[in-house]
Amino acid sequence: QKIGSKVRVTVYGLRNKIERYEGLLYKIYPNIFTIL
């Protein structure tokens, strides 16, 4: 419902590593979604 919207994805990795990505919700697939 939100394709094309601006999103912030926060990834909680190993050893308390945190990565953040801001972009547009781009495509929806059966098992994954992508942002630009």
PDB file of all heavy atoms in Angstrom:
ATOM      1  N   GLN A   1       0.819  -1.216   0.000  1.00  0.00           N
ATOM      2  CA  GLN A   1       0.000   0.000   0.000  1.00  0.00           C
ATOM      3  C   GLN A   1       0.852   1.266   0.000  1.00  0.00           C
ATOM      4  O   GLN A   1       0.355   2.347  -0.281  1.00  0.00           O
ATOM      5  CB  GLN A   1      -0.930   0.003   1.216  1.00  0.00           C
ATOM      6  CG  GLN A   1      -1.945  -1.099   1.185  1.00  0.00           C
ATOM      7  CD  GLN A   1      -2.744  -1.192   2.485  1.00  0.00           C
ATOM      8  OE1 GLN A   1      -2.459  -0.506   3.454  1.00  0.00           O
ATOM      9  NE2 GLN A   1      -3.744  -2.060   2.493  1.00  0.00           N
ATOM     10  N   LYS A   2       2.134   1.139   0.345  1.00  0.00           N
ATOM     11  CA  LYS A   2       2.995   2.307   0.501  1.00  0.00           C
ATOM     12  C   LYS A   2       4.096   2.400  -0.559  1.00  0.00           C
ATOM     13  O   LYS A   2       5.058   3.143  -0.380  1.00  0.00           O
ATOM     14  CB  LYS A   2       3.660   2.274   1.883  1.00  0.00           C
ATOM     15  CG  LYS A   2       2.700   2.184   3.041  1.00  0.00           C
ATOM     16  CD  LYS A   2       2.192   3.520   3.434  1.00  0.00           C
ATOM     17  CE  LYS A   2       1.368   3.376   4.707  1.00  0.00           C
ATOM     18  NZ  LYS A   2       1.132   4.613   5.358  1.00  0.00           N
ATOM     19  N   ILE A   3       3.977   1.667  -1.662  1.00  0.00           N
ATOM     20  CA  ILE A   3       5.005   1.728  -2.713  1.00  0.00           C
ATOM     21  C   ILE A   3       5.155   3.171  -3.180  1.00  0.00           C
ATOM     22  O   ILE A   3       4.176   3.873  -3.397  1.00  0.00           O
ATOM     23  CB  ILE A   3       4.646   0.799  -3.894  1.00  0.00           C
ATOM     24  CG1 ILE A   3       4.816  -0.661  -3.476  1.00  0.00           C
ATOM     25  CG2 ILE A   3       5.517   1.093  -5.114  1.00  0.00           C
ATOM     26  CD1 ILE A   3       4.465  -1.653  -4.544  1.00  0.00           C
ATOM     27  N   GLY A   4       6.402   3.608  -3.302  1.00  0.00           N
ATOM     28  CA  GLY A   4       6.691   4.978  -3.706  1.00  0.00           C
ATOM     29  C   GLY A   4       6.858   5.930  -2.539  1.00  0.00           C
ATOM     30  O   GLY A   4       7.261   7.073  -2.730  1.00  0.00           O
ATOM     31  N   SER A   5       6.560   5.472  -1.329  1.00  0.00           N
ATOM     32  CA  SER A   5       6.695   6.311  -0.139  1.00  0.00           C
ATOM     33  C   SER A   5       8.142   6.331   0.340  1.00  0.00           C
ATOM     34  O   SER A   5       8.906   5.396   0.112  1.00  0.00           O
ATOM     35  CB  SER A   5       5.819   5.778   0.994  1.00  0.00           C
ATOM     36  OG  SER A   5       4.476   5.781   0.626  1.00  0.00           O
ATOM     37  N   LYS A   6       8.487   7.388   1.037  1.00  0.00           N
ATOM     38  CA  LYS A   6       9.817   7.496   1.622  1.00  0.00           C
ATOM     39  C   LYS A   6       9.848   6.675   2.912  1.00  0.00           C
ATOM     40  O   LYS A   6       8.935   6.755   3.732  1.00  0.00           O
ATOM     41  CB  LYS A   6      10.149   8.950   1.911  1.00  0.00           C
ATOM     42  CG  LYS A   6      11.582   9.171   2.258  1.00  0.00           C
ATOM     43  CD  LYS A   6      11.935  10.641   2.252  1.00  0.00           C
ATOM     44  CE  LYS A   6      13.415  10.782   2.536  1.00  0.00           C
ATOM     45  NZ  LYS A   6      13.845  12.163   2.499  1.00  0.00           N
ATOM     46  N   VAL A   7      10.906   5.873   3.075  1.00  0.00           N
ATOM     47  CA  VAL A   7      11.041   5.008   4.246  1.00  0.00           C
ATOM     48  C   VAL A   7      12.448   5.093   4.814  1.00  0.00           C
ATOM     49  O   VAL A   7      13.397   5.468   4.130  1.00  0.00           O
ATOM     50  CB  VAL A   7      10.737   3.522   3.916  1.00  0.00           C
ATOM     51  CG1 VAL A   7       9.311   3.318   3.517  1.00  0.00           C
ATOM     52  CG2 VAL A   7      11.664   2.979   2.864  1.00  0.00           C
ATOM     53  N   ARG A   8      12.544   4.751   6.085  1.00  0.00           N
ATOM     54  CA  ARG A   8      13.846   4.580   6.734  1.00  0.00           C
ATOM     55  C   ARG A   8      13.894   3.140   7.227  1.00  0.00           C
ATOM     56  O   ARG A   8      13.047   2.708   8.005  1.00  0.00           O
ATOM     57  CB  ARG A   8      14.019   5.519   7.909  1.00  0.00           C
ATOM     58  CG  ARG A   8      15.380   5.305   8.613  1.00  0.00           C
ATOM     59  CD  ARG A   8      15.560   6.167   9.840  1.00  0.00           C
ATOM     60  NE  ARG A   8      15.459   7.566   9.480  1.00  0.00           N
ATOM     61  CZ  ARG A   8      14.757   8.445  10.182  1.00  0.00           C
ATOM     62  NH1 ARG A   8      14.114   8.094  11.261  1.00  0.00           N
ATOM     63  NH2 ARG A   8      14.699   9.706   9.798  1.00  0.00           N
ATOM     64  N   VAL A   9      14.901   2.407   6.767  1.00  0.00           N
ATOM     65  CA  VAL A   9      15.087   1.023   7.191  1.00  0.00           C
ATOM     66  C   VAL A   9      16.302   0.980   8.111  1.00  0.00           C
ATOM     67  O   VAL A   9      17.392   1.413   7.732  1.00  0.00           O
ATOM     68  CB  VAL A   9      15.294   0.077   5.985  1.00  0.00           C
ATOM     69  CG1 VAL A   9      15.527  -1.345   6.446  1.00  0.00           C
ATOM     70  CG2 VAL A   9      14.102   0.137   5.041  1.00  0.00           C
ATOM     71  N   THR A  10      16.091   0.487   9.315  1.00  0.00           N
ATOM     72  CA  THR A  10      17.174   0.329  10.286  1.00  0.00           C
ATOM     73  C   THR A  10      17.484  -1.148  10.394  1.00  0.00           C
ATOM     74  O   THR A  10      16.595  -1.955  10.665  1.00  0.00           O
ATOM     75  CB  THR A  10      16.751   0.875  11.661  1.00  0.00           C
ATOM     76  OG1 THR A  10      16.316   2.229  11.504  1.00  0.00           O
ATOM     77  CG2 THR A  10      17.904   0.837  12.642  1.00  0.00           C
ATOM     78  N   VAL A  11      18.753  -1.498  10.163  1.00  0.00           N
ATOM     79  CA  VAL A  11      19.193  -2.892  10.186  1.00  0.00           C
ATOM     80  C   VAL A  11      20.031  -3.106  11.439  1.00  0.00           C
ATOM     81  O   VAL A  11      21.028  -2.424  11.644  1.00  0.00           O
ATOM     82  CB  VAL A  11      20.030  -3.239   8.931  1.00  0.00           C
ATOM     83  CG1 VAL A  11      20.476  -4.687   8.972  1.00  0.00           C
ATOM     84  CG2 VAL A  11      19.246  -2.936   7.665  1.00  0.00           C
ATOM     85  N   TYR A  12      19.598  -4.052  12.267  1.00  0.00           N
ATOM     86  CA  TYR A  12      20.319  -4.385  13.493  1.00  0.00           C
ATOM     87  C   TYR A  12      21.187  -5.595  13.205  1.00  0.00           C
ATOM     88  O   TYR A  12      20.702  -6.709  13.077  1.00  0.00           O
ATOM     89  CB  TYR A  12      19.340  -4.674  14.635  1.00  0.00           C
ATOM     90  CG  TYR A  12      18.427  -3.507  14.912  1.00  0.00           C
ATOM     91  CD1 TYR A  12      17.120  -3.490  14.449  1.00  0.00           C
ATOM     92  CD2 TYR A  12      18.896  -2.409  15.614  1.00  0.00           C
ATOM     93  CE1 TYR A  12      16.291  -2.398  14.680  1.00  0.00           C
ATOM     94  CE2 TYR A  12      18.078  -1.312  15.849  1.00  0.00           C
ATOM     95  CZ  TYR A  12      16.773  -1.324  15.383  1.00  0.00           C
ATOM     96  OH  TYR A  12      15.966  -0.236  15.606  1.00  0.00           O
ATOM     97  N   GLY A  13      22.497  -5.375  13.087  1.00  0.00           N
ATOM     98  CA  GLY A  13      23.425  -6.436  12.711  1.00  0.00           C
ATOM     99  C   GLY A  13      24.129  -7.043  13.910  1.00  0.00           C
ATOM    100  O   GLY A  13      23.742  -6.841  15.062  1.00  0.00           O
ATOM    101  N   LEU A  14      25.165  -7.763  13.596  1.00  0.00           N
ATOM    102  CA  LEU A  14      25.966  -8.418  14.630  1.00  0.00           C
ATOM    103  C   LEU A  14      26.817  -7.405  15.379  1.00  0.00           C
ATOM    104  O   LEU A  14      27.155  -6.349  14.859  1.00  0.00           O
ATOM    105  CB  LEU A  14      26.870  -9.468  13.985  1.00  0.00           C
ATOM    106  CG  LEU A  14      26.142 -10.594  13.253  1.00  0.00           C
ATOM    107  CD1 LEU A  14      27.142 -11.477  12.536  1.00  0.00           C
ATOM    108  CD2 LEU A  14      25.313 -11.407  14.214  1.00  0.00           C
ATOM    109  N   ARG A  15      27.151  -7.743  16.600  1.00  0.00           N
ATOM    110  CA  ARG A  15      28.015  -6.911  17.451  1.00  0.00           C
ATOM    111  C   ARG A  15      27.489  -5.489  17.598  1.00  0.00           C
ATOM    112  O   ARG A  15      28.236  -4.517  17.515  1.00  0.00           O
ATOM    113  CB  ARG A  15      29.440  -6.904  16.926  1.00  0.00           C
ATOM    114  CG  ARG A  15      30.062  -8.264  16.952  1.00  0.00           C
ATOM    115  CD  ARG A  15      31.493  -8.209  16.549  1.00  0.00           C
ATOM    116  NE  ARG A  15      32.062  -9.541  16.574  1.00  0.00           N
ATOM    117  CZ  ARG A  15      33.118  -9.904  15.914  1.00  0.00           C
ATOM    118  NH1 ARG A  15      33.749  -9.026  15.157  1.00  0.00           N
ATOM    119  NH2 ARG A  15      33.577 -11.127  15.998  1.00  0.00           N
ATOM    120  N   ASN A  16      26.183  -5.374  17.763  1.00  0.00           N
ATOM    121  CA  ASN A  16      25.515  -4.081  17.965  1.00  0.00           C
ATOM    122  C   ASN A  16      25.739  -3.086  16.831  1.00  0.00           C
ATOM    123  O   ASN A  16      25.664  -1.879  17.031  1.00  0.00           O
ATOM    124  CB  ASN A  16      25.943  -3.460  19.291  1.00  0.00           C
ATOM    125  CG  ASN A  16      25.510  -4.308  20.460  1.00  0.00           C
ATOM    126  OD1 ASN A  16      24.471  -4.949  20.415  1.00  0.00           O
ATOM    127  ND2 ASN A  16      26.316  -4.328  21.506  1.00  0.00           N
ATOM    128  N   LYS A  17      26.014  -3.589  15.642  1.00  0.00           N
ATOM    129  CA  LYS A  17      26.187  -2.719  14.480  1.00  0.00           C
ATOM    130  C   LYS A  17      24.801  -2.358  13.935  1.00  0.00           C
ATOM    131  O   LYS A  17      23.970  -3.215  13.707  1.00  0.00           O
ATOM    132  CB  LYS A  17      26.997  -3.434  13.405  1.00  0.00           C
ATOM    133  CG  LYS A  17      27.287  -2.593  12.207  1.00  0.00           C
ATOM    134  CD  LYS A  17      28.134  -3.347  11.210  1.00  0.00           C
ATOM    135  CE  LYS A  17      28.366  -2.485   9.986  1.00  0.00           C
ATOM    136  NZ  LYS A  17      29.069  -3.227   8.946  1.00  0.00           N
ATOM    137  N   ILE A  18      24.581  -1.075  13.739  1.00  0.00           N
ATOM    138  CA  ILE A  18      23.299  -0.584  13.234  1.00  0.00           C
ATOM    139  C   ILE A  18      23.552   0.205  11.954  1.00  0.00           C
ATOM    140  O   ILE A  18      24.407   1.091  11.926  1.00  0.00           O
ATOM    141  CB  ILE A  18      22.586   0.304  14.269  1.00  0.00           C
ATOM    142  CG1 ILE A  18      22.269  -0.501  15.526  1.00  0.00           C
ATOM    143  CG2 ILE A  18      21.320   0.901  13.682  1.00  0.00           C
ATOM    144  CD1 ILE A  18      21.687   0.321  16.653  1.00  0.00           C
ATOM    145  N   GLU A  19      22.814  -0.147  10.896  1.00  0.00           N
ATOM    146  CA  GLU A  19      22.899   0.575   9.631  1.00  0.00           C
ATOM    147  C   GLU A  19      21.524   1.155   9.319  1.00  0.00           C
ATOM    148  O   GLU A  19      20.516   0.509   9.558  1.00  0.00           O
ATOM    149  CB  GLU A  19      23.328  -0.356   8.501  1.00  0.00           C
ATOM    150  CG  GLU A  19      24.705  -0.936   8.679  1.00  0.00           C
ATOM    151  CD  GLU A  19      25.070  -1.897   7.556  1.00  0.00           C
ATOM    152  OE1 GLU A  19      24.490  -1.798   6.465  1.00  0.00           O
ATOM    153  OE2 GLU A  19      25.924  -2.752   7.792  1.00  0.00           O
ATOM    154  N   ARG A  20      21.509   2.376   8.762  1.00  0.00           N
ATOM    155  CA  ARG A  20      20.245   3.018   8.410  1.00  0.00           C
ATOM    156  C   ARG A  20      20.263   3.409   6.935  1.00  0.00           C
ATOM    157  O   ARG A  20      21.272   3.915   6.443  1.00  0.00           O
ATOM    158  CB  ARG A  20      20.019   4.252   9.272  1.00  0.00           C
ATOM    159  CG  ARG A  20      19.714   3.905  10.701  1.00  0.00           C
ATOM    160  CD  ARG A  20      19.370   5.139  11.526  1.00  0.00           C
ATOM    161  NE  ARG A  20      18.999   4.764  12.881  1.00  0.00           N
ATOM    162  CZ  ARG A  20      19.852   4.570  13.868  1.00  0.00           C
ATOM    163  NH1 ARG A  20      21.145   4.715  13.654  1.00  0.00           N
ATOM    164  NH2 ARG A  20      19.424   4.226  15.065  1.00  0.00           N
ATOM    165  N   TYR A  21      19.151   3.170   6.288  1.00  0.00           N
ATOM    166  CA  TYR A  21      18.993   3.525   4.884  1.00  0.00           C
ATOM    167  C   TYR A  21      17.696   4.304   4.730  1.00  0.00           C
ATOM    168  O   TYR A  21      16.658   3.877   5.212  1.00  0.00           O
ATOM    169  CB  TYR A  21      18.918   2.271   3.999  1.00  0.00           C
ATOM    170  CG  TYR A  21      20.109   1.359   4.138  1.00  0.00           C
ATOM    171  CD1 TYR A  21      20.043   0.231   4.945  1.00  0.00           C
ATOM    172  CD2 TYR A  21      21.291   1.624   3.467  1.00  0.00           C
ATOM    173  CE1 TYR A  21      21.125  -0.607   5.075  1.00  0.00           C
ATOM    174  CE2 TYR A  21      22.386   0.781   3.591  1.00  0.00           C
ATOM    175  CZ  TYR A  21      22.294  -0.329   4.395  1.00  0.00           C
ATOM    176  OH  TYR A  21      23.372  -1.159   4.525  1.00  0.00           O
ATOM    177  N   GLU A  22      17.757   5.444   4.061  1.00  0.00           N
ATOM    178  CA  GLU A  22      16.555   6.220   3.741  1.00  0.00           C
ATOM    179  C   GLU A  22      16.409   6.241   2.233  1.00  0.00           C
ATOM    180  O   GLU A  22      17.363   6.536   1.520  1.00  0.00           O
ATOM    181  CB  GLU A  22      16.656   7.649   4.272  1.00  0.00           C
ATOM    182  CG  GLU A  22      16.343   7.757   5.725  1.00  0.00           C
ATOM    183  CD  GLU A  22      16.190   9.197   6.182  1.00  0.00           C
ATOM    184  OE1 GLU A  22      15.865  10.068   5.342  1.00  0.00           O
ATOM    185  OE2 GLU A  22      16.391   9.433   7.369  1.00  0.00           O
ATOM    186  N   GLY A  23      15.235   5.921   1.777  1.00  0.00           N
ATOM    187  CA  GLY A  23      14.983   5.917   0.340  1.00  0.00           C
ATOM    188  C   GLY A  23      13.516   5.699   0.064  1.00  0.00           C
ATOM    189  O   GLY A  23      12.671   5.819   0.950  1.00  0.00           O
ATOM    190  N   LEU A  24      13.219   5.370  -1.184  1.00  0.00           N
ATOM    191  CA  LEU A  24      11.846   5.129  -1.595  1.00  0.00           C
ATOM    192  C   LEU A  24      11.562   3.635  -1.620  1.00  0.00           C
ATOM    193  O   LEU A  24      12.381   2.854  -2.096  1.00  0.00           O
ATOM    194  CB  LEU A  24      11.600   5.705  -2.990  1.00  0.00           C
ATOM    195  CG  LEU A  24      11.689   7.211  -3.130  1.00  0.00           C
ATOM    196  CD1 LEU A  24      11.485   7.617  -4.583  1.00  0.00           C
ATOM    197  CD2 LEU A  24      10.672   7.896  -2.256  1.00  0.00           C
ATOM    198  N   LEU A  25      10.409   3.260  -1.102  1.00  0.00           N
ATOM    199  CA  LEU A  25       9.960   1.881  -1.214  1.00  0.00           C
ATOM    200  C   LEU A  25       9.735   1.628  -2.693  1.00  0.00           C
ATOM    201  O   LEU A  25       8.917   2.288  -3.325  1.00  0.00           O
ATOM    202  CB  LEU A  25       8.680   1.660  -0.411  1.00  0.00           C
ATOM    203  CG  LEU A  25       8.148   0.254  -0.346  1.00  0.00           C
ATOM    204  CD1 LEU A  25       9.183  -0.713   0.216  1.00  0.00           C
ATOM    205  CD2 LEU A  25       6.885   0.205   0.493  1.00  0.00           C
ATOM    206  N   TYR A  26      10.482   0.690  -3.270  1.00  0.00           N
ATOM    207  CA  TYR A  26      10.594   0.589  -4.717  1.00  0.00           C
ATOM    208  C   TYR A  26       9.800  -0.566  -5.315  1.00  0.00           C
ATOM    209  O   TYR A  26       8.943  -0.355  -6.145  1.00  0.00           O
ATOM    210  CB  TYR A  26      12.072   0.508  -5.075  1.00  0.00           C
ATOM    211  CG  TYR A  26      12.392   0.670  -6.522  1.00  0.00           C
ATOM    212  CD1 TYR A  26      11.971   1.785  -7.227  1.00  0.00           C
ATOM    213  CD2 TYR A  26      13.144  -0.276  -7.191  1.00  0.00           C
ATOM    214  CE1 TYR A  26      12.281   1.949  -8.563  1.00  0.00           C
ATOM    215  CE2 TYR A  26      13.466  -0.123  -8.522  1.00  0.00           C
ATOM    216  CZ  TYR A  26      13.032   0.982  -9.209  1.00  0.00           C
ATOM    217  OH  TYR A  26      13.336   1.133 -10.527  1.00  0.00           O
ATOM    218  N   LYS A  27      10.099  -1.792  -4.900  1.00  0.00           N
ATOM    219  CA  LYS A  27       9.436  -2.958  -5.476  1.00  0.00           C
ATOM    220  C   LYS A  27       9.086  -3.976  -4.393  1.00  0.00           C
ATOM    221  O   LYS A  27       9.758  -4.057  -3.370  1.00  0.00           O
ATOM    222  CB  LYS A  27      10.322  -3.641  -6.520  1.00  0.00           C
ATOM    223  CG  LYS A  27      10.566  -2.798  -7.748  1.00  0.00           C
ATOM    224  CD  LYS A  27      11.410  -3.537  -8.748  1.00  0.00           C
ATOM    225  CE  LYS A  27      11.683  -2.663  -9.955  1.00  0.00           C
ATOM    226  NZ  LYS A  27      12.612  -3.309 -10.883  1.00  0.00           N
ATOM    227  N   ILE A  28       8.043  -4.751  -4.675  1.00  0.00           N
ATOM    228  CA  ILE A  28       7.594  -5.804  -3.774  1.00  0.00           C
ATOM    229  C   ILE A  28       7.707  -7.140  -4.508  1.00  0.00           C
ATOM    230  O   ILE A  28       7.208  -7.270  -5.627  1.00  0.00           O
ATOM    231  CB  ILE A  28       6.122  -5.570  -3.349  1.00  0.00           C
ATOM    232  CG1 ILE A  28       5.948  -4.214  -2.676  1.00  0.00           C
ATOM    233  CG2 ILE A  28       5.618  -6.695  -2.482  1.00  0.00           C
ATOM    234  CD1 ILE A  28       6.609  -4.072  -1.333  1.00  0.00           C
ATOM    235  N   TYR A  29       8.362  -8.099  -3.907  1.00  0.00           N
ATOM    236  CA  TYR A  29       8.513  -9.451  -4.465  1.00  0.00           C
ATOM    237  C   TYR A  29       7.931 -10.446  -3.468  1.00  0.00           C
ATOM    238  O   TYR A  29       7.609 -10.080  -2.339  1.00  0.00           O
ATOM    239  CB  TYR A  29       9.992  -9.757  -4.711  1.00  0.00           C
ATOM    240  CG  TYR A  29      10.632  -8.870  -5.760  1.00  0.00           C
ATOM    241  CD1 TYR A  29      11.457  -7.814  -5.398  1.00  0.00           C
ATOM    242  CD2 TYR A  29      10.415  -9.089  -7.105  1.00  0.00           C
ATOM    243  CE1 TYR A  29      12.041  -7.003  -6.348  1.00  0.00           C
ATOM    244  CE2 TYR A  29      11.007  -8.292  -8.075  1.00  0.00           C
ATOM    245  CZ  TYR A  29      11.820  -7.244  -7.695  1.00  0.00           C
ATOM    246  OH  TYR A  29      12.410  -6.443  -8.639  1.00  0.00           O
ATOM    247  N   PRO A  30       7.799 -11.721  -3.865  1.00  0.00           N
ATOM    248  CA  PRO A  30       7.193 -12.705  -2.949  1.00  0.00           C
ATOM    249  C   PRO A  30       7.901 -12.849  -1.594  1.00  0.00           C
ATOM    250  O   PRO A  30       7.241 -13.019  -0.579  1.00  0.00           O
ATOM    251  CB  PRO A  30       7.268 -14.012  -3.734  1.00  0.00           C
ATOM    252  CG  PRO A  30       7.242 -13.588  -5.157  1.00  0.00           C
ATOM    253  CD  PRO A  30       8.010 -12.288  -5.197  1.00  0.00           C
ATOM    254  N   ASN A  31       9.228 -12.750  -1.556  1.00  0.00           N
ATOM    255  CA  ASN A  31       9.952 -12.954  -0.303  1.00  0.00           C
ATOM    256  C   ASN A  31      10.727 -11.746   0.184  1.00  0.00           C
ATOM    257  O   ASN A  31      11.215 -11.737   1.311  1.00  0.00           O
ATOM    258  CB  ASN A  31      10.912 -14.139  -0.436  1.00  0.00           C
ATOM    259  CG  ASN A  31      10.178 -15.432  -0.662  1.00  0.00           C
ATOM    260  OD1 ASN A  31       9.208 -15.728   0.022  1.00  0.00           O
ATOM    261  ND2 ASN A  31      10.615 -16.198  -1.643  1.00  0.00           N
ATOM    262  N   ILE A  32      10.893 -10.750  -0.666  1.00  0.00           N
ATOM    263  CA  ILE A  32      11.675  -9.563  -0.304  1.00  0.00           C
ATOM    264  C   ILE A  32      10.987  -8.303  -0.807  1.00  0.00           C
ATOM    265  O   ILE A  32      10.094  -8.350  -1.634  1.00  0.00           O
ATOM    266  CB  ILE A  32      13.111  -9.621  -0.877  1.00  0.00           C
ATOM    267  CG1 ILE A  32      13.071  -9.622  -2.401  1.00  0.00           C
ATOM    268  CG2 ILE A  32      13.900 -10.786  -0.319  1.00  0.00           C
ATOM    269  CD1 ILE A  32      14.422  -9.403  -3.055  1.00  0.00           C
ATOM    270  N   PHE A  33      11.443  -7.165  -0.286  1.00  0.00           N
ATOM    271  CA  PHE A  33      11.066  -5.870  -0.820  1.00  0.00           C
ATOM    272  C   PHE A  33      12.342  -5.067  -1.002  1.00  0.00           C
ATOM    273  O   PHE A  33      13.370  -5.358  -0.399  1.00  0.00           O
ATOM    274  CB  PHE A  33      10.077  -5.142   0.098  1.00  0.00           C
ATOM    275  CG  PHE A  33      10.615  -4.780   1.447  1.00  0.00           C
ATOM    276  CD1 PHE A  33      11.131  -3.525   1.694  1.00  0.00           C
ATOM    277  CD2 PHE A  33      10.596  -5.702   2.483  1.00  0.00           C
ATOM    278  CE1 PHE A  33      11.627  -3.186   2.945  1.00  0.00           C
ATOM    279  CE2 PHE A  33      11.088  -5.381   3.737  1.00  0.00           C
ATOM    280  CZ  PHE A  33      11.601  -4.117   3.967  1.00  0.00           C
ATOM    281  N   THR A  34      12.292  -4.081  -1.892  1.00  0.00           N
ATOM    282  CA  THR A  34      13.481  -3.283  -2.154  1.00  0.00           C
ATOM    283  C   THR A  34      13.180  -1.808  -1.934  1.00  0.00           C
ATOM    284  O   THR A  34      12.041  -1.364  -2.064  1.00  0.00           O
ATOM    285  CB  THR A  34      13.997  -3.470  -3.601  1.00  0.00           C
ATOM    286  OG1 THR A  34      13.015  -3.004  -4.512  1.00  0.00           O
ATOM    287  CG2 THR A  34      14.335  -4.916  -3.890  1.00  0.00           C
ATOM    288  N   ILE A  35      14.231  -1.079  -1.592  1.00  0.00           N
ATOM    289  CA  ILE A  35      14.141   0.375  -1.539  1.00  0.00           C
ATOM    290  C   ILE A  35      15.193   0.927  -2.491  1.00  0.00           C
ATOM    291  O   ILE A  35      16.202   0.276  -2.774  1.00  0.00           O
ATOM    292  CB  ILE A  35      14.336   0.944  -0.111  1.00  0.00           C
ATOM    293  CG1 ILE A  35      15.746   0.710   0.406  1.00  0.00           C
ATOM    294  CG2 ILE A  35      13.310   0.386   0.841  1.00  0.00           C
ATOM    295  CD1 ILE A  35      16.070   1.503   1.664  1.00  0.00           C
ATOM    296  N   LEU A  36      14.935   2.106  -3.008  1.00  0.00           N
ATOM    297  CA  LEU A  36      15.877   2.798  -3.871  1.00  0.00           C
ATOM    298  C   LEU A  36      16.670   3.744  -2.986  1.00  0.00           C
ATOM    299  O   LEU A  36      16.133   4.702  -2.430  1.00  0.00           O
ATOM    300  CB  LEU A  36      15.122   3.554  -4.966  1.00  0.00           C
ATOM    301  CG  LEU A  36      15.923   4.030  -6.155  1.00  0.00           C
ATOM    302  CD1 LEU A  36      16.635   2.869  -6.836  1.00  0.00           C
ATOM    303  CD2 LEU A  36      15.019   4.735  -7.142  1.00  0.00           C
TER     304      LEU A  36
END
